N, C-alpha and C. Protein backbone atom coordinates (compact mmCIF):
# COMPACT_ATOMS: atom_id res chain seq x y z
N MET A 1 -4.87 16.73 -2.40
CA MET A 1 -6.71 15.70 -2.53
C MET A 1 -6.56 15.96 -4.29
N GLN A 2 -6.65 17.65 -3.92
CA GLN A 2 -7.16 17.53 -5.96
C GLN A 2 -5.84 16.31 -7.25
N LEU A 3 -4.79 16.41 -6.06
CA LEU A 3 -3.65 16.09 -6.80
C LEU A 3 -4.25 14.14 -6.72
N SER A 4 -4.55 14.06 -6.20
CA SER A 4 -5.81 12.66 -6.11
C SER A 4 -6.65 12.36 -7.32
N VAL A 5 -7.27 13.54 -7.01
CA VAL A 5 -8.18 13.55 -8.09
C VAL A 5 -7.68 13.21 -9.83
N GLU A 6 -6.72 14.59 -10.42
CA GLU A 6 -6.04 14.43 -11.33
C GLU A 6 -5.71 13.00 -12.36
N PHE A 7 -4.88 12.83 -10.84
CA PHE A 7 -4.56 11.16 -11.44
C PHE A 7 -5.07 10.31 -11.48
N GLY A 8 -5.87 10.75 -10.79
CA GLY A 8 -7.48 9.30 -10.90
C GLY A 8 -8.22 9.23 -11.92
N SER A 9 -8.69 10.98 -12.04
CA SER A 9 -9.48 10.75 -13.65
C SER A 9 -8.45 10.56 -14.85
N PHE A 10 -7.23 10.73 -14.62
CA PHE A 10 -6.33 10.62 -16.00
C PHE A 10 -6.36 8.67 -15.98
N LEU A 11 -5.95 8.60 -15.21
CA LEU A 11 -5.55 6.72 -14.85
C LEU A 11 -7.13 6.11 -15.14
N ARG A 12 -8.27 6.50 -14.73
CA ARG A 12 -9.61 5.62 -15.15
C ARG A 12 -9.66 5.00 -16.99
N GLY A 13 -9.45 3.53 -16.39
CA GLY A 13 -9.90 2.42 -17.23
C GLY A 13 -8.05 2.02 -17.56
N LYS A 14 -6.97 2.73 -17.03
CA LYS A 14 -5.90 2.05 -17.13
C LYS A 14 -5.18 1.23 -16.25
N THR A 15 -4.29 0.44 -17.01
CA THR A 15 -3.79 -0.23 -16.30
C THR A 15 -2.75 0.07 -14.64
N CYS A 16 -2.71 1.19 -14.87
CA CYS A 16 -1.88 2.18 -13.37
C CYS A 16 -2.86 2.72 -13.11
N ARG A 17 -2.55 2.54 -11.83
CA ARG A 17 -4.04 2.89 -10.83
C ARG A 17 -2.71 3.88 -9.28
N ALA A 18 -3.63 4.37 -8.93
CA ALA A 18 -3.03 5.74 -7.70
C ALA A 18 -3.72 5.09 -6.20
N TYR A 19 -2.70 4.97 -5.75
CA TYR A 19 -3.34 5.00 -4.23
C TYR A 19 -2.82 5.62 -3.04
N TYR A 20 -3.25 5.46 -2.02
CA TYR A 20 -3.00 6.47 -1.09
C TYR A 20 -2.51 6.35 0.86
N GLU A 21 -1.62 5.76 0.59
CA GLU A 21 -1.58 5.75 2.29
C GLU A 21 -1.55 4.56 2.21
N LEU A 22 -0.62 3.77 1.18
CA LEU A 22 -0.45 2.09 1.81
C LEU A 22 0.47 1.45 2.14
N ASP A 23 0.63 1.17 2.49
CA ASP A 23 2.08 0.48 2.95
C ASP A 23 3.10 -0.11 1.86
N VAL A 24 4.26 0.29 1.68
CA VAL A 24 5.00 -0.20 0.39
C VAL A 24 6.10 -0.99 0.99
N CYS A 25 6.47 -2.19 0.61
CA CYS A 25 7.62 -2.87 0.97
C CYS A 25 8.65 -2.65 -0.69
N LEU A 26 9.64 -2.01 -0.80
CA LEU A 26 10.41 -1.89 -1.65
C LEU A 26 10.88 -2.67 -2.34
N THR A 27 10.89 -3.44 -2.10
CA THR A 27 11.95 -5.34 -2.64
C THR A 27 11.16 -5.52 -2.86
N ASP A 28 11.23 -6.74 -3.85
CA ASP A 28 10.31 -8.25 -4.11
C ASP A 28 9.80 -9.04 -3.39
N GLU A 29 10.58 -8.99 -2.58
CA GLU A 29 9.95 -9.80 -1.17
C GLU A 29 8.58 -10.56 -0.45
N GLU A 30 7.99 -10.98 -1.23
CA GLU A 30 7.29 -12.09 -1.34
C GLU A 30 6.51 -12.88 0.19
N ASP A 31 7.53 -12.96 0.86
CA ASP A 31 7.51 -13.63 2.15
C ASP A 31 7.57 -12.62 2.89
N GLU A 32 5.82 -11.87 3.36
CA GLU A 32 5.58 -11.19 4.57
C GLU A 32 6.76 -11.10 5.93
N ASP A 33 7.30 -11.99 6.15
CA ASP A 33 7.96 -12.36 7.66
C ASP A 33 9.15 -12.25 7.07
N LYS A 34 10.21 -11.71 6.51
CA LYS A 34 11.17 -11.45 6.05
C LYS A 34 11.34 -9.82 5.36
N ILE A 35 9.95 -9.29 5.16
CA ILE A 35 9.93 -7.94 5.01
C ILE A 35 10.30 -7.31 6.01
N THR A 36 11.69 -6.31 6.49
CA THR A 36 11.96 -6.27 7.71
C THR A 36 11.58 -4.21 7.37
N GLU A 37 11.59 -3.85 6.30
CA GLU A 37 10.78 -2.45 6.38
C GLU A 37 10.28 -1.87 5.26
N TRP A 38 8.47 -0.98 5.63
CA TRP A 38 7.67 -0.75 5.14
C TRP A 38 7.66 0.99 4.84
N VAL A 39 7.49 1.73 4.13
CA VAL A 39 7.72 2.77 3.56
C VAL A 39 5.84 3.09 3.08
N ASN A 40 5.39 4.48 4.19
CA ASN A 40 4.22 4.93 3.68
C ASN A 40 4.13 5.83 3.32
N PRO A 41 3.91 6.25 1.74
CA PRO A 41 3.68 7.32 0.76
C PRO A 41 2.84 7.91 1.22
N ASP A 42 2.87 8.74 0.61
CA ASP A 42 1.74 9.79 0.78
C ASP A 42 0.08 9.27 -0.40
N MET A 43 1.31 8.88 -1.64
CA MET A 43 0.61 8.58 -3.02
C MET A 43 1.28 8.11 -4.09
N ILE A 44 1.10 7.00 -4.20
CA ILE A 44 1.92 6.02 -5.21
C ILE A 44 1.00 5.90 -6.87
N ILE A 45 1.86 6.04 -7.88
CA ILE A 45 1.31 5.33 -8.90
C ILE A 45 1.83 3.74 -8.95
N VAL A 46 1.49 2.94 -9.78
CA VAL A 46 1.69 1.51 -9.39
C VAL A 46 1.32 1.21 -10.71
N CYS A 47 1.80 0.51 -12.21
CA CYS A 47 1.33 -0.08 -13.46
C CYS A 47 1.35 -1.90 -13.09
N ASP A 48 2.03 -2.20 -12.48
CA ASP A 48 2.24 -3.68 -12.08
C ASP A 48 0.93 -4.16 -10.89
N PRO A 49 -0.04 -5.06 -11.87
CA PRO A 49 -1.41 -4.68 -10.83
C PRO A 49 -0.75 -6.38 -10.26
N ASP A 50 0.53 -7.40 -10.16
CA ASP A 50 0.92 -7.85 -9.64
C ASP A 50 1.45 -7.85 -8.44
N LYS A 51 1.61 -6.33 -7.95
CA LYS A 51 2.49 -6.06 -6.83
C LYS A 51 1.32 -5.67 -5.71
N ARG A 52 0.48 -5.34 -6.16
CA ARG A 52 -1.03 -5.50 -4.59
C ARG A 52 -1.45 -7.17 -4.33
N LYS A 53 -1.16 -6.18 -2.89
CA LYS A 53 -1.28 -7.47 -2.15
C LYS A 53 -2.15 -7.32 -1.22
N ALA A 54 -3.23 -6.85 -1.37
CA ALA A 54 -4.45 -6.97 0.10
C ALA A 54 -4.52 -5.76 0.03
N ASN A 55 -3.58 -5.85 1.20
CA ASN A 55 -3.99 -3.82 2.00
C ASN A 55 -2.34 -3.22 1.26
N LYS A 56 -1.88 -3.75 0.86
CA LYS A 56 -0.57 -3.61 0.04
C LYS A 56 0.40 -3.57 -0.73
N ILE A 57 1.36 -2.80 -0.75
CA ILE A 57 1.72 -2.89 -2.61
C ILE A 57 3.80 -3.40 -2.37
N VAL A 58 4.59 -4.21 -2.64
CA VAL A 58 5.04 -5.15 -2.88
C VAL A 58 5.92 -5.34 -3.45
N GLY A 59 7.04 -4.27 -4.34
CA GLY A 59 7.36 -3.94 -4.75
C GLY A 59 7.59 -2.17 -5.39
N SER A 60 8.48 -1.63 -5.82
CA SER A 60 8.65 -0.46 -6.05
C SER A 60 7.44 0.18 -6.93
N PRO A 61 6.22 0.84 -6.89
CA PRO A 61 6.03 2.03 -7.25
C PRO A 61 6.49 2.41 -8.41
N ASP A 62 6.03 3.18 -9.49
CA ASP A 62 6.70 3.52 -10.51
C ASP A 62 6.68 5.06 -9.91
N THR A 63 5.06 5.86 -9.65
CA THR A 63 5.85 6.80 -8.70
C THR A 63 5.66 7.32 -7.29
N ALA A 64 6.32 8.24 -6.97
CA ALA A 64 5.55 8.19 -5.54
C ALA A 64 5.82 9.85 -5.27
N ILE A 65 4.84 10.33 -4.71
CA ILE A 65 4.70 11.54 -3.94
C ILE A 65 4.56 11.63 -2.84
N GLU A 66 5.27 13.02 -2.28
CA GLU A 66 5.15 12.23 -0.69
C GLU A 66 5.15 14.49 -0.61
N ILE A 67 3.73 14.48 1.04
CA ILE A 67 3.41 15.82 0.90
C ILE A 67 4.24 16.33 1.98
N LEU A 68 5.04 17.32 2.04
CA LEU A 68 5.39 17.95 2.69
C LEU A 68 5.10 18.76 4.31
N SER A 69 5.60 18.02 5.88
CA SER A 69 5.06 19.00 6.43
C SER A 69 6.07 19.18 7.43
N GLN A 70 6.48 19.72 8.39
CA GLN A 70 7.31 20.81 9.01
C GLN A 70 7.60 19.40 9.72
N SER A 71 7.02 18.10 10.36
CA SER A 71 7.38 17.12 10.79
C SER A 71 7.60 15.91 9.96
N THR A 72 8.07 15.79 8.51
CA THR A 72 7.55 15.23 7.75
C THR A 72 9.22 15.54 7.16
N MET A 73 9.46 16.91 6.75
CA MET A 73 10.36 17.69 5.86
C MET A 73 11.47 16.91 5.76
N LYS A 74 12.64 16.31 6.86
CA LYS A 74 13.87 15.43 6.75
C LYS A 74 13.92 14.04 5.74
N LEU A 75 12.34 14.07 6.71
CA LEU A 75 11.94 12.13 6.14
C LEU A 75 11.29 12.21 4.11
N ASP A 76 11.56 13.33 3.97
CA ASP A 76 10.91 13.18 2.20
C ASP A 76 11.52 13.59 2.05
N LYS A 77 13.00 14.72 2.84
CA LYS A 77 13.81 14.94 1.39
C LYS A 77 14.57 14.99 1.13
N MET A 78 14.91 13.91 2.21
CA MET A 78 16.37 13.55 2.87
C MET A 78 16.60 11.75 2.37
N ILE A 79 15.51 11.37 3.72
CA ILE A 79 15.75 9.68 3.87
C ILE A 79 14.60 8.69 2.63
N LYS A 80 13.52 9.55 2.80
CA LYS A 80 12.74 8.34 1.88
C LYS A 80 13.14 9.13 -0.22
N PHE A 81 14.50 10.29 -0.20
CA PHE A 81 14.68 10.86 -0.95
C PHE A 81 15.25 9.51 -1.52
N ASN A 82 16.19 8.96 -0.73
CA ASN A 82 17.26 7.82 -1.05
C ASN A 82 16.79 6.73 -0.66
N LYS A 83 16.10 6.48 0.31
CA LYS A 83 15.35 4.75 -0.67
C LYS A 83 14.57 4.97 -2.18
N TYR A 84 14.11 5.18 -2.01
CA TYR A 84 13.06 5.92 -2.95
C TYR A 84 14.19 5.79 -4.34
N GLN A 85 14.86 6.56 -4.78
CA GLN A 85 15.98 6.27 -5.91
C GLN A 85 17.02 5.62 -5.03
N GLU A 86 17.20 4.20 -4.26
CA GLU A 86 18.27 3.16 -4.22
C GLU A 86 16.88 1.68 -4.67
N ALA A 87 15.59 2.10 -4.15
CA ALA A 87 14.91 1.37 -4.91
C ALA A 87 14.30 1.02 -6.37
N GLY A 88 14.46 2.62 -7.12
CA GLY A 88 14.79 2.35 -8.83
C GLY A 88 12.82 3.46 -9.17
N ILE A 89 12.72 3.73 -8.06
CA ILE A 89 11.80 3.85 -7.93
C ILE A 89 11.25 5.77 -9.22
N LYS A 90 10.67 5.26 -10.55
CA LYS A 90 11.16 5.70 -11.91
C LYS A 90 10.67 7.28 -11.39
N GLU A 91 9.72 8.00 -10.68
CA GLU A 91 9.23 9.26 -10.56
C GLU A 91 9.39 9.79 -8.84
N TYR A 92 9.73 10.14 -8.33
CA TYR A 92 9.64 11.28 -7.07
C TYR A 92 9.07 13.01 -7.41
N TRP A 93 8.33 12.83 -6.59
CA TRP A 93 7.20 14.46 -6.12
C TRP A 93 7.48 14.59 -4.84
N ILE A 94 8.02 16.34 -4.78
CA ILE A 94 7.62 16.20 -3.29
C ILE A 94 6.84 17.89 -3.98
N VAL A 95 5.53 17.41 -3.50
CA VAL A 95 4.81 18.86 -2.92
C VAL A 95 5.40 19.71 -2.06
N ASP A 96 4.86 20.92 -2.14
CA ASP A 96 4.84 22.17 -0.82
C ASP A 96 4.10 22.32 -0.48
N PRO A 97 2.65 22.77 -0.32
CA PRO A 97 1.69 23.07 0.44
C PRO A 97 1.66 24.95 0.69
N VAL A 98 3.02 24.63 1.29
CA VAL A 98 3.22 26.55 1.79
C VAL A 98 3.35 27.19 0.81
N TYR A 99 4.51 26.92 0.22
CA TYR A 99 4.82 27.45 -0.95
C TYR A 99 4.34 26.94 -2.71
N GLU A 100 3.94 26.20 -2.64
CA GLU A 100 2.38 25.77 -3.24
C GLU A 100 3.41 25.56 -4.68
N SER A 101 4.11 24.56 -4.90
CA SER A 101 4.60 24.23 -5.09
C SER A 101 5.31 22.54 -5.07
N ILE A 102 5.67 21.95 -6.16
CA ILE A 102 6.35 20.56 -6.22
C ILE A 102 7.30 20.63 -7.26
N ASP A 103 8.25 19.98 -5.97
CA ASP A 103 9.42 19.39 -6.68
C ASP A 103 10.03 17.89 -8.16
N VAL A 104 10.24 17.62 -9.11
CA VAL A 104 9.54 16.69 -9.82
C VAL A 104 10.85 16.21 -9.41
N PHE A 105 11.10 14.55 -9.45
CA PHE A 105 12.74 13.40 -9.72
C PHE A 105 12.55 13.33 -10.48
N ILE A 106 13.15 13.08 -11.86
CA ILE A 106 13.03 11.55 -12.93
C ILE A 106 14.96 10.62 -12.08
N LEU A 107 14.33 9.66 -12.65
CA LEU A 107 15.41 8.87 -11.92
C LEU A 107 16.11 8.45 -13.44
N LYS A 108 17.35 9.03 -13.45
CA LYS A 108 18.13 8.72 -15.14
C LYS A 108 19.82 7.60 -14.74
N ASP A 109 19.82 6.94 -14.88
CA ASP A 109 21.44 5.56 -14.58
C ASP A 109 21.58 5.76 -12.62
N GLY A 110 20.48 5.23 -11.88
CA GLY A 110 19.70 5.27 -11.33
C GLY A 110 20.38 6.04 -9.82
N VAL A 111 19.81 7.85 -11.15
CA VAL A 111 20.24 8.95 -9.70
C VAL A 111 19.22 9.92 -9.99
N TYR A 112 18.86 10.32 -9.32
CA TYR A 112 17.80 10.96 -9.45
C TYR A 112 18.33 12.32 -10.13
N GLN A 113 17.77 13.29 -10.32
CA GLN A 113 17.76 14.42 -11.78
C GLN A 113 16.32 14.95 -11.46
N LYS A 114 16.83 16.23 -10.65
CA LYS A 114 15.62 17.54 -10.61
C LYS A 114 14.98 17.70 -12.19
N GLU A 115 13.78 17.58 -12.36
CA GLU A 115 13.24 17.43 -13.57
C GLU A 115 12.46 19.68 -13.76
N GLY A 116 12.64 19.96 -12.42
CA GLY A 116 11.85 20.83 -12.19
C GLY A 116 11.68 21.22 -11.22
N THR A 117 10.67 22.39 -10.73
CA THR A 117 9.91 23.10 -10.36
C THR A 117 8.67 24.03 -10.51
N TYR A 118 7.73 22.70 -10.51
CA TYR A 118 6.54 24.14 -10.48
C TYR A 118 5.79 24.34 -9.11
N ALA A 119 5.54 25.77 -9.82
CA ALA A 119 4.45 26.78 -9.73
C ALA A 119 3.53 27.07 -9.46
N LYS A 120 2.58 28.05 -8.76
CA LYS A 120 0.82 27.82 -9.07
C LYS A 120 0.64 28.35 -10.15
N ASN A 121 1.32 28.60 -11.27
CA ASN A 121 0.73 29.41 -12.93
C ASN A 121 1.34 28.51 -13.76
N ASP A 122 1.77 26.79 -13.29
CA ASP A 122 2.47 26.04 -14.46
C ASP A 122 2.23 25.14 -14.38
N VAL A 123 2.47 24.54 -15.75
CA VAL A 123 1.01 23.22 -16.30
C VAL A 123 2.80 22.59 -15.92
N LEU A 124 1.68 21.31 -15.56
CA LEU A 124 3.57 19.88 -15.33
C LEU A 124 3.14 18.87 -16.60
N ALA A 125 3.83 18.27 -17.82
CA ALA A 125 3.50 17.60 -18.15
C ALA A 125 3.84 16.31 -17.93
N VAL A 126 2.91 15.77 -17.18
CA VAL A 126 3.96 13.88 -16.51
C VAL A 126 3.89 13.36 -17.02
N GLN A 127 5.70 13.07 -16.66
CA GLN A 127 6.54 12.25 -17.96
C GLN A 127 6.53 10.53 -18.60
N TYR A 128 6.15 9.94 -18.00
CA TYR A 128 5.62 8.53 -17.43
C TYR A 128 3.86 8.39 -18.84
N PHE A 129 3.50 9.45 -18.17
CA PHE A 129 1.74 9.52 -19.10
C PHE A 129 2.12 10.50 -20.39
N GLU A 130 1.70 9.62 -21.42
CA GLU A 130 1.62 10.49 -22.28
C GLU A 130 0.98 11.71 -22.16
N GLY A 131 0.33 13.25 -22.81
CA GLY A 131 -0.21 13.79 -22.80
C GLY A 131 -1.79 13.98 -21.49
N PHE A 132 -1.10 13.79 -20.20
CA PHE A 132 -1.15 13.79 -18.60
C PHE A 132 -0.69 15.09 -18.06
N GLU A 133 -1.14 15.99 -18.28
CA GLU A 133 -0.69 17.67 -17.98
C GLU A 133 -1.37 18.46 -16.93
N ILE A 134 -0.59 18.34 -15.55
CA ILE A 134 -1.89 18.80 -14.33
C ILE A 134 -1.35 20.84 -14.46
N ASN A 135 -2.81 21.46 -14.22
CA ASN A 135 -2.59 22.46 -14.66
C ASN A 135 -2.51 23.11 -12.77
N MET A 136 -1.38 23.38 -12.49
CA MET A 136 -0.86 23.88 -11.25
C MET A 136 -2.22 24.50 -10.79
N GLU A 137 -2.39 25.20 -11.31
CA GLU A 137 -3.50 26.31 -10.55
C GLU A 137 -4.52 25.65 -10.33
N ASP A 138 -5.22 24.23 -10.98
CA ASP A 138 -6.11 23.34 -10.18
C ASP A 138 -5.39 22.74 -9.44
N ILE A 139 -4.52 23.00 -8.57
CA ILE A 139 -4.09 21.90 -7.61
C ILE A 139 -3.30 23.18 -6.87
N PHE A 140 -3.15 23.91 -6.02
CA PHE A 140 -3.37 24.74 -4.96
C PHE A 140 -4.08 26.40 -5.54
N GLY A 141 -4.96 25.49 -6.64
CA GLY A 141 -5.87 26.75 -6.65
C GLY A 141 -5.82 28.10 -6.41
């Protein structure tokens, strides 16, 4: 929840928006009848307002964030990781509330590269938003 507060505060008044648990089609297919696959990330950042369609996002978000749980670990670390990479999502975060850490992956030449793992005492500089830093202590308390 605290991560959404950080993004919401930073993005206030900007073109980019944070969304929570919306259905996302990772392709640009406009005809919903032709969309065969939807994903439902825990949180996304979308900078193109044209991608918002009613209560859905059609097209790849700029950033996807998943919160790990025992039941979603394989899905988030393997299946969604590969889908998001293939869809060209620039930045993918995997948040582990048990170990109080965030793994950040940046898309470079079509492949995710691990930018870093951030823990409770770190400051995470958000790559695609200049001047946006998150004090990890604020996230994990």
